Amino acid sequence: MTAVEKLLKDYLNYLEIERNRSPKTRENYEHYLGEFLKFAKISSPKEITDSLVREFRLALARRNIKKITQSYYVIALRNFLKYSAKRDIKVLAPEKIELPKIPSRQIEVLEYQDLERLLAAPKGSNLRSLRDKAILETFFSTGLRLSELCGISRYIDLKRGEIPIRGKGDKLRVVFLSGRAKQALENYLKKRTDAEEALFVSLTKNGRILGRITPRAVQRLVEARAKEAGIPKRVHVHQLRHSFATDLLMNGADLRSVQELLGHANISTTQIYTHITNKELREVHKAFHGRRRK
């Protein structure tokens, strides 16, 4: 094992143990940095130069990798260099590596009428319909990420209407259930006669419980219910999270509170929603644009 490979292994262990990053984060960093080392063909971290990094970035761009994905490689490399410097290893200064400029993210939000039709799509009193209704209402009430929703335990306090969530970076936050979400969950849980710990479960075609629901199964059920609701375009699970955020902002919630509810580490991530929820700008445009035209 070369010196740089040993340092990479130490860094990945540091991420998982000392920084408490998830196994998925470790896996991603191992991939990004492994790709760099494969390209660089170096044996020591001291051999990482500014020109070598530029060549690697050019190679990524020529592979037609999306800008946002290219930035993940660069962030991983910068953080690896920061770690190396902390270990008193003389390496390229991390700040010399500039992050690529990323175009503003485009947020796809469901029209409110489509959202209401989607939430109302599951009908009937069988376990599948009650589960799907509870999942959709919980998504819209809490703004949870897909992985967070799949990981919830069945034993939640519906009376309080609060669910503690351990999200990205192992950060703990509390999300809240609306009256509709609480009712949908209550109806669903009354139908459950099993001892499975998961709140949401996967079902066979004949309704037999298979265990904790998977993210792919949730995406499939959202797509199926969207078709039932007559929504012509494909609906992604994350659009329900977007709808949660924009609904709060359009009704007057402040950005910091929405950041906390979404579990965003940085408020700049939350700010992507403001351009579609700024009522004041719309009113300014309506009042002042084109007044001289007849």
Protein backbone atom coordinates (compact mmCIF):
# COMPACT_ATOMS: atom_id res chain seq x y z
CA MET A 1 0.00 0.00 0.00
CA THR A 2 1.41 3.39 -1.00
CA ALA A 3 1.61 6.35 1.37
CA VAL A 4 -1.29 8.13 -0.35
CA GLU A 5 -3.47 4.99 -0.25
CA LYS A 6 -2.77 4.58 3.48
CA LEU A 7 -3.61 8.24 4.07
CA LEU A 8 -6.86 7.82 2.13
CA LYS A 9 -7.81 4.83 4.29
CA ASP A 10 -7.06 6.84 7.45
CA TYR A 11 -9.16 9.73 6.10
CA LEU A 12 -12.16 7.50 5.34
CA ASN A 13 -11.97 6.02 8.85
CA TYR A 14 -11.76 9.56 10.25
CA LEU A 15 -14.92 10.53 8.35
CA GLU A 16 -16.86 7.57 9.68
CA ILE A 17 -15.59 7.43 13.26
CA GLU A 18 -14.62 10.98 14.28
CA ARG A 19 -16.84 13.02 11.97
CA ASN A 20 -19.72 10.55 12.37
CA ARG A 21 -20.49 10.52 8.64
CA SER A 22 -22.81 7.87 7.27
CA PRO A 23 -21.49 4.73 5.52
CA LYS A 24 -22.96 6.17 2.29
CA THR A 25 -20.87 9.34 2.66
CA ARG A 26 -17.78 7.22 3.23
CA GLU A 27 -18.61 5.17 0.15
CA ASN A 28 -19.04 8.32 -1.99
CA TYR A 29 -15.75 9.85 -0.81
CA GLU A 30 -13.95 6.56 -1.43
CA HIS A 31 -15.28 6.59 -5.00
CA TYR A 32 -14.43 10.24 -5.74
CA LEU A 33 -10.93 10.08 -4.26
CA GLY A 34 -10.27 6.62 -5.68
CA GLU A 35 -11.06 7.95 -9.16
CA PHE A 36 -8.59 10.79 -8.61
CA LEU A 37 -5.80 8.46 -7.46
CA LYS A 38 -6.46 6.12 -10.39
CA PHE A 39 -6.06 9.10 -12.73
CA ALA A 40 -3.10 10.66 -10.92
CA LYS A 41 -0.97 7.48 -10.58
CA ILE A 42 0.90 8.89 -7.57
CA SER A 43 2.31 7.22 -4.48
CA SER A 44 2.59 10.22 -2.12
CA PRO A 45 0.13 13.01 -1.21
CA LYS A 46 2.98 15.48 -1.78
CA GLU A 47 2.73 14.69 -5.50
CA ILE A 48 -0.73 16.31 -5.73
CA THR A 49 -0.07 19.53 -7.64
CA ASP A 50 -2.21 22.34 -8.96
CA SER A 51 -1.58 21.26 -12.56
CA LEU A 52 -2.46 17.61 -11.77
CA VAL A 53 -5.78 18.71 -10.27
CA ARG A 54 -6.52 20.85 -13.35
CA GLU A 55 -5.80 17.88 -15.64
CA PHE A 56 -8.14 15.70 -13.58
CA ARG A 57 -10.91 18.31 -13.76
CA LEU A 58 -10.46 18.57 -17.51
CA ALA A 59 -10.74 14.78 -17.78
CA LEU A 60 -13.99 14.87 -15.77
CA ALA A 61 -15.42 17.60 -18.01
CA ARG A 62 -14.56 15.61 -21.14
CA ARG A 63 -16.43 12.62 -19.75
CA ASN A 64 -19.57 14.77 -19.88
CA ILE A 65 -20.08 14.46 -16.13
CA LYS A 66 -22.62 16.98 -14.82
CA LYS A 67 -21.19 20.14 -13.23
CA ILE A 68 -22.78 19.31 -9.88
CA THR A 69 -21.15 15.85 -9.91
CA GLN A 70 -17.79 17.36 -10.89
CA SER A 71 -18.08 19.59 -7.83
CA TYR A 72 -18.44 16.51 -5.59
CA TYR A 73 -15.04 15.23 -6.80
CA VAL A 74 -13.46 18.63 -6.13
CA ILE A 75 -15.04 18.98 -2.67
CA ALA A 76 -13.84 15.50 -1.71
CA LEU A 77 -10.30 16.31 -2.87
CA ARG A 78 -10.25 19.64 -1.03
CA ASN A 79 -11.43 18.01 2.19
CA PHE A 80 -8.82 15.25 1.80
CA LEU A 81 -6.11 17.91 1.46
CA LYS A 82 -7.45 19.76 4.53
CA TYR A 83 -7.23 16.54 6.52
CA SER A 84 -3.68 15.93 5.25
CA ALA A 85 -2.62 19.44 6.28
CA LYS A 86 -4.07 18.88 9.76
CA ARG A 87 -1.87 15.79 9.97
CA ASP A 88 1.12 18.08 9.25
CA ILE A 89 1.64 16.55 5.83
CA LYS A 90 2.90 19.11 3.30
CA VAL A 91 0.34 19.12 0.53
CA LEU A 92 -1.20 21.49 -1.99
CA ALA A 93 -3.13 24.23 -0.15
CA PRO A 94 -6.85 23.28 -0.38
CA GLU A 95 -7.92 26.89 -1.04
CA LYS A 96 -5.95 26.83 -4.30
CA ILE A 97 -8.58 24.49 -5.72
CA GLU A 98 -11.59 26.54 -6.78
CA LEU A 99 -15.03 24.99 -6.85
CA PRO A 100 -16.78 24.94 -10.23
CA LYS A 101 -19.62 27.39 -10.73
CA ILE A 102 -22.87 25.48 -10.55
CA PRO A 103 -25.98 26.72 -12.37
CA SER A 104 -28.88 27.56 -10.03
CA ARG A 105 -30.97 24.52 -9.25
CA GLN A 106 -34.36 24.36 -10.87
CA ILE A 107 -37.02 23.33 -8.40
CA GLU A 108 -39.96 21.32 -9.64
CA VAL A 109 -42.99 21.93 -7.46
CA LEU A 110 -46.40 20.39 -7.94
CA GLU A 111 -49.23 22.77 -8.73
CA TYR A 112 -51.40 23.00 -5.63
CA GLN A 113 -54.41 21.43 -7.39
CA ASP A 114 -52.23 18.49 -8.49
CA LEU A 115 -50.88 18.14 -4.97
CA GLU A 116 -54.38 17.92 -3.49
CA ARG A 117 -55.40 15.37 -6.12
CA LEU A 118 -52.32 13.28 -5.32
CA LEU A 119 -52.98 13.35 -1.57
CA ALA A 120 -56.58 12.29 -2.19
CA ALA A 121 -55.69 9.51 -4.66
CA PRO A 122 -55.49 6.54 -2.24
CA LYS A 123 -59.10 5.52 -1.51
CA GLY A 124 -60.49 2.53 0.28
CA SER A 125 -59.89 0.87 3.63
CA ASN A 126 -57.44 -1.90 2.72
CA LEU A 127 -53.94 -1.80 4.19
CA ARG A 128 -52.26 -0.68 0.94
CA SER A 129 -54.58 2.30 0.45
CA LEU A 130 -54.28 3.34 4.10
CA ARG A 131 -50.49 2.99 3.98
CA ASP A 132 -50.17 5.04 0.77
CA LYS A 133 -52.45 7.75 2.15
CA ALA A 134 -50.36 7.90 5.35
CA ILE A 135 -47.09 8.08 3.41
CA LEU A 136 -48.27 10.92 1.16
CA GLU A 137 -49.74 12.95 4.03
CA THR A 138 -46.61 12.40 6.13
CA PHE A 139 -44.37 13.56 3.30
CA PHE A 140 -46.34 16.77 2.79
CA SER A 141 -46.69 17.44 6.53
CA THR A 142 -43.02 16.94 7.40
CA GLY A 143 -40.90 17.57 4.28
CA LEU A 144 -38.89 14.45 5.08
CA ARG A 145 -36.23 13.06 2.79
CA LEU A 146 -37.06 9.68 1.29
CA SER A 147 -34.47 7.81 3.38
CA GLU A 148 -35.71 9.54 6.55
CA LEU A 149 -39.31 8.50 5.92
CA CYS A 150 -38.32 4.88 5.26
CA GLY A 151 -36.35 4.77 8.51
CA ILE A 152 -39.12 5.88 10.91
CA SER A 153 -40.07 3.50 13.71
CA ARG A 154 -43.68 2.48 14.17
CA TYR A 155 -43.70 3.60 17.80
CA ILE A 156 -44.35 7.33 17.45
CA ASP A 157 -46.43 9.58 19.69
CA LEU A 158 -49.39 10.53 17.50
CA LYS A 159 -50.99 12.61 20.25
CA ARG A 160 -48.00 14.97 20.34
CA GLY A 161 -47.75 14.88 16.57
CA GLU A 162 -43.96 15.08 16.64
CA ILE A 163 -41.36 12.73 15.18
CA PRO A 164 -37.65 12.95 16.09
CA ILE A 165 -35.57 12.43 12.95
CA ARG A 166 -31.87 11.69 12.65
CA GLY A 167 -31.00 13.18 9.28
CA LYS A 168 -27.92 13.93 7.21
CA GLY A 169 -24.70 14.19 9.18
CA ASP A 170 -26.45 12.34 12.03
CA LYS A 171 -28.16 15.62 13.02
CA LEU A 172 -31.30 15.35 15.13
CA ARG A 173 -34.37 17.47 14.41
CA VAL A 174 -38.08 17.28 15.11
CA VAL A 175 -40.77 17.27 12.42
CA PHE A 176 -44.47 17.83 12.97
CA LEU A 177 -47.63 16.08 11.84
CA SER A 178 -50.66 17.98 10.58
CA GLY A 179 -54.16 16.94 11.65
CA ARG A 180 -54.65 15.14 8.33
CA ALA A 181 -51.34 13.32 8.62
CA LYS A 182 -52.12 12.20 12.18
CA GLN A 183 -55.54 10.91 11.11
CA ALA A 184 -54.08 9.06 8.12
CA LEU A 185 -51.41 7.44 10.30
CA GLU A 186 -53.94 6.49 12.96
CA ASN A 187 -56.18 4.80 10.38
CA TYR A 188 -53.21 2.96 8.90
CA LEU A 189 -51.78 1.77 12.22
CA LYS A 190 -55.18 0.48 13.38
CA LYS A 191 -55.13 -1.83 10.36
CA ARG A 192 -51.69 -3.21 11.21
CA THR A 193 -51.81 -6.48 13.16
CA ASP A 194 -48.14 -7.39 12.77
CA ALA A 195 -45.15 -6.88 15.06
CA GLU A 196 -42.91 -5.24 12.44
CA GLU A 197 -41.01 -2.31 13.97
CA ALA A 198 -41.01 -0.13 10.84
CA LEU A 199 -43.72 2.52 10.51
CA PHE A 200 -44.09 1.96 6.76
CA VAL A 201 -43.89 -1.55 5.34
CA SER A 202 -43.61 -3.19 1.93
CA LEU A 203 -46.56 -5.31 0.84
CA THR A 204 -46.99 -8.20 -1.58
CA LYS A 205 -49.77 -8.06 -4.18
CA ASN A 206 -52.08 -9.93 -1.82
CA GLY A 207 -51.27 -7.56 1.06
CA ARG A 208 -48.75 -9.68 3.00
CA ILE A 209 -46.15 -7.63 4.89
CA LEU A 210 -42.56 -8.13 3.73
CA GLY A 211 -40.75 -5.81 6.16
CA ARG A 212 -39.58 -2.20 6.12
CA ILE A 213 -40.52 -0.34 2.94
CA THR A 214 -37.68 0.46 0.53
CA PRO A 215 -37.04 3.86 -1.08
CA ARG A 216 -37.69 2.35 -4.54
CA ALA A 217 -41.08 1.02 -3.40
CA VAL A 218 -42.04 4.48 -2.12
CA GLN A 219 -41.06 6.09 -5.44
CA ARG A 220 -43.14 3.51 -7.32
CA LEU A 221 -46.21 4.10 -5.18
CA VAL A 222 -45.92 7.89 -5.57
CA GLU A 223 -45.69 7.50 -9.35
CA ALA A 224 -48.67 5.12 -9.40
CA ARG A 225 -50.83 7.38 -7.23
CA ALA A 226 -49.90 10.40 -9.37
CA LYS A 227 -51.16 8.55 -12.47
CA GLU A 228 -54.38 7.68 -10.62
CA ALA A 229 -54.77 11.37 -9.77
CA GLY A 230 -54.52 12.25 -13.47
CA ILE A 231 -51.25 14.17 -13.18
CA PRO A 232 -49.74 14.02 -16.70
CA LYS A 233 -46.07 14.45 -15.77
CA ARG A 234 -43.91 12.09 -13.75
CA VAL A 235 -43.95 12.94 -10.04
CA HIS A 236 -40.82 12.42 -7.96
CA VAL A 237 -40.86 11.86 -4.20
CA HIS A 238 -38.62 14.92 -3.68
CA GLN A 239 -41.33 17.14 -5.20
CA LEU A 240 -43.37 16.54 -2.04
CA ARG A 241 -40.46 17.90 0.01
CA HIS A 242 -40.29 20.89 -2.32
CA SER A 243 -44.06 21.38 -1.97
CA PHE A 244 -43.72 21.31 1.83
CA ALA A 245 -41.05 24.05 1.76
CA THR A 246 -42.77 26.31 -0.76
CA ASP A 247 -46.12 25.96 1.03
CA LEU A 248 -44.56 27.19 4.28
CA LEU A 249 -42.79 30.12 2.61
CA MET A 250 -45.82 31.19 0.59
CA ASN A 251 -47.85 31.28 3.79
CA GLY A 252 -45.36 33.54 5.56
CA ALA A 253 -42.88 31.22 7.31
CA ASP A 254 -39.39 32.64 7.75
CA LEU A 255 -36.44 31.12 5.94
CA ARG A 256 -34.54 30.11 9.11
CA SER A 257 -37.48 28.09 10.41
CA VAL A 258 -37.92 26.34 7.07
CA GLN A 259 -34.19 25.57 7.05
CA GLU A 260 -34.55 23.94 10.48
CA LEU A 261 -37.61 21.94 9.48
CA LEU A 262 -35.94 20.65 6.30
CA GLY A 263 -32.71 19.77 8.13
CA HIS A 264 -30.53 21.88 5.83
CA ALA A 265 -27.04 22.50 7.22
CA ASN A 266 -26.69 25.73 5.23
CA ILE A 267 -29.37 28.35 4.67
CA SER A 268 -28.14 28.87 1.09
CA THR A 269 -29.63 25.45 0.31
CA THR A 270 -33.02 26.63 1.57
CA GLN A 271 -32.79 29.86 -0.42
CA ILE A 272 -33.38 27.96 -3.67
CA TYR A 273 -37.08 28.08 -2.81
CA THR A 274 -37.36 31.83 -2.40
CA HIS A 275 -37.49 32.74 -6.10
CA ILE A 276 -40.78 30.88 -6.52
CA THR A 277 -42.37 32.06 -3.29
CA ASN A 278 -41.62 35.78 -3.23
CA LYS A 279 -45.08 37.34 -3.24
CA GLU A 280 -43.66 40.83 -2.82
CA LEU A 281 -41.76 40.66 -6.11
CA ARG A 282 -44.90 39.47 -7.89
CA GLU A 283 -46.88 42.37 -6.44
CA VAL A 284 -44.16 44.87 -7.40
CA HIS A 285 -44.20 43.56 -10.97
CA LYS A 286 -47.99 43.70 -11.11
CA ALA A 287 -48.13 47.24 -9.75
CA PHE A 288 -45.30 48.85 -11.67
CA HIS A 289 -44.50 46.93 -14.86
CA GLY A 290 -45.61 48.34 -18.22
CA ARG A 291 -47.70 51.20 -16.78
CA ARG A 292 -46.92 53.48 -19.77
CA ARG A 293 -48.22 50.97 -22.29
CA LYS A 294 -51.73 51.44 -23.55
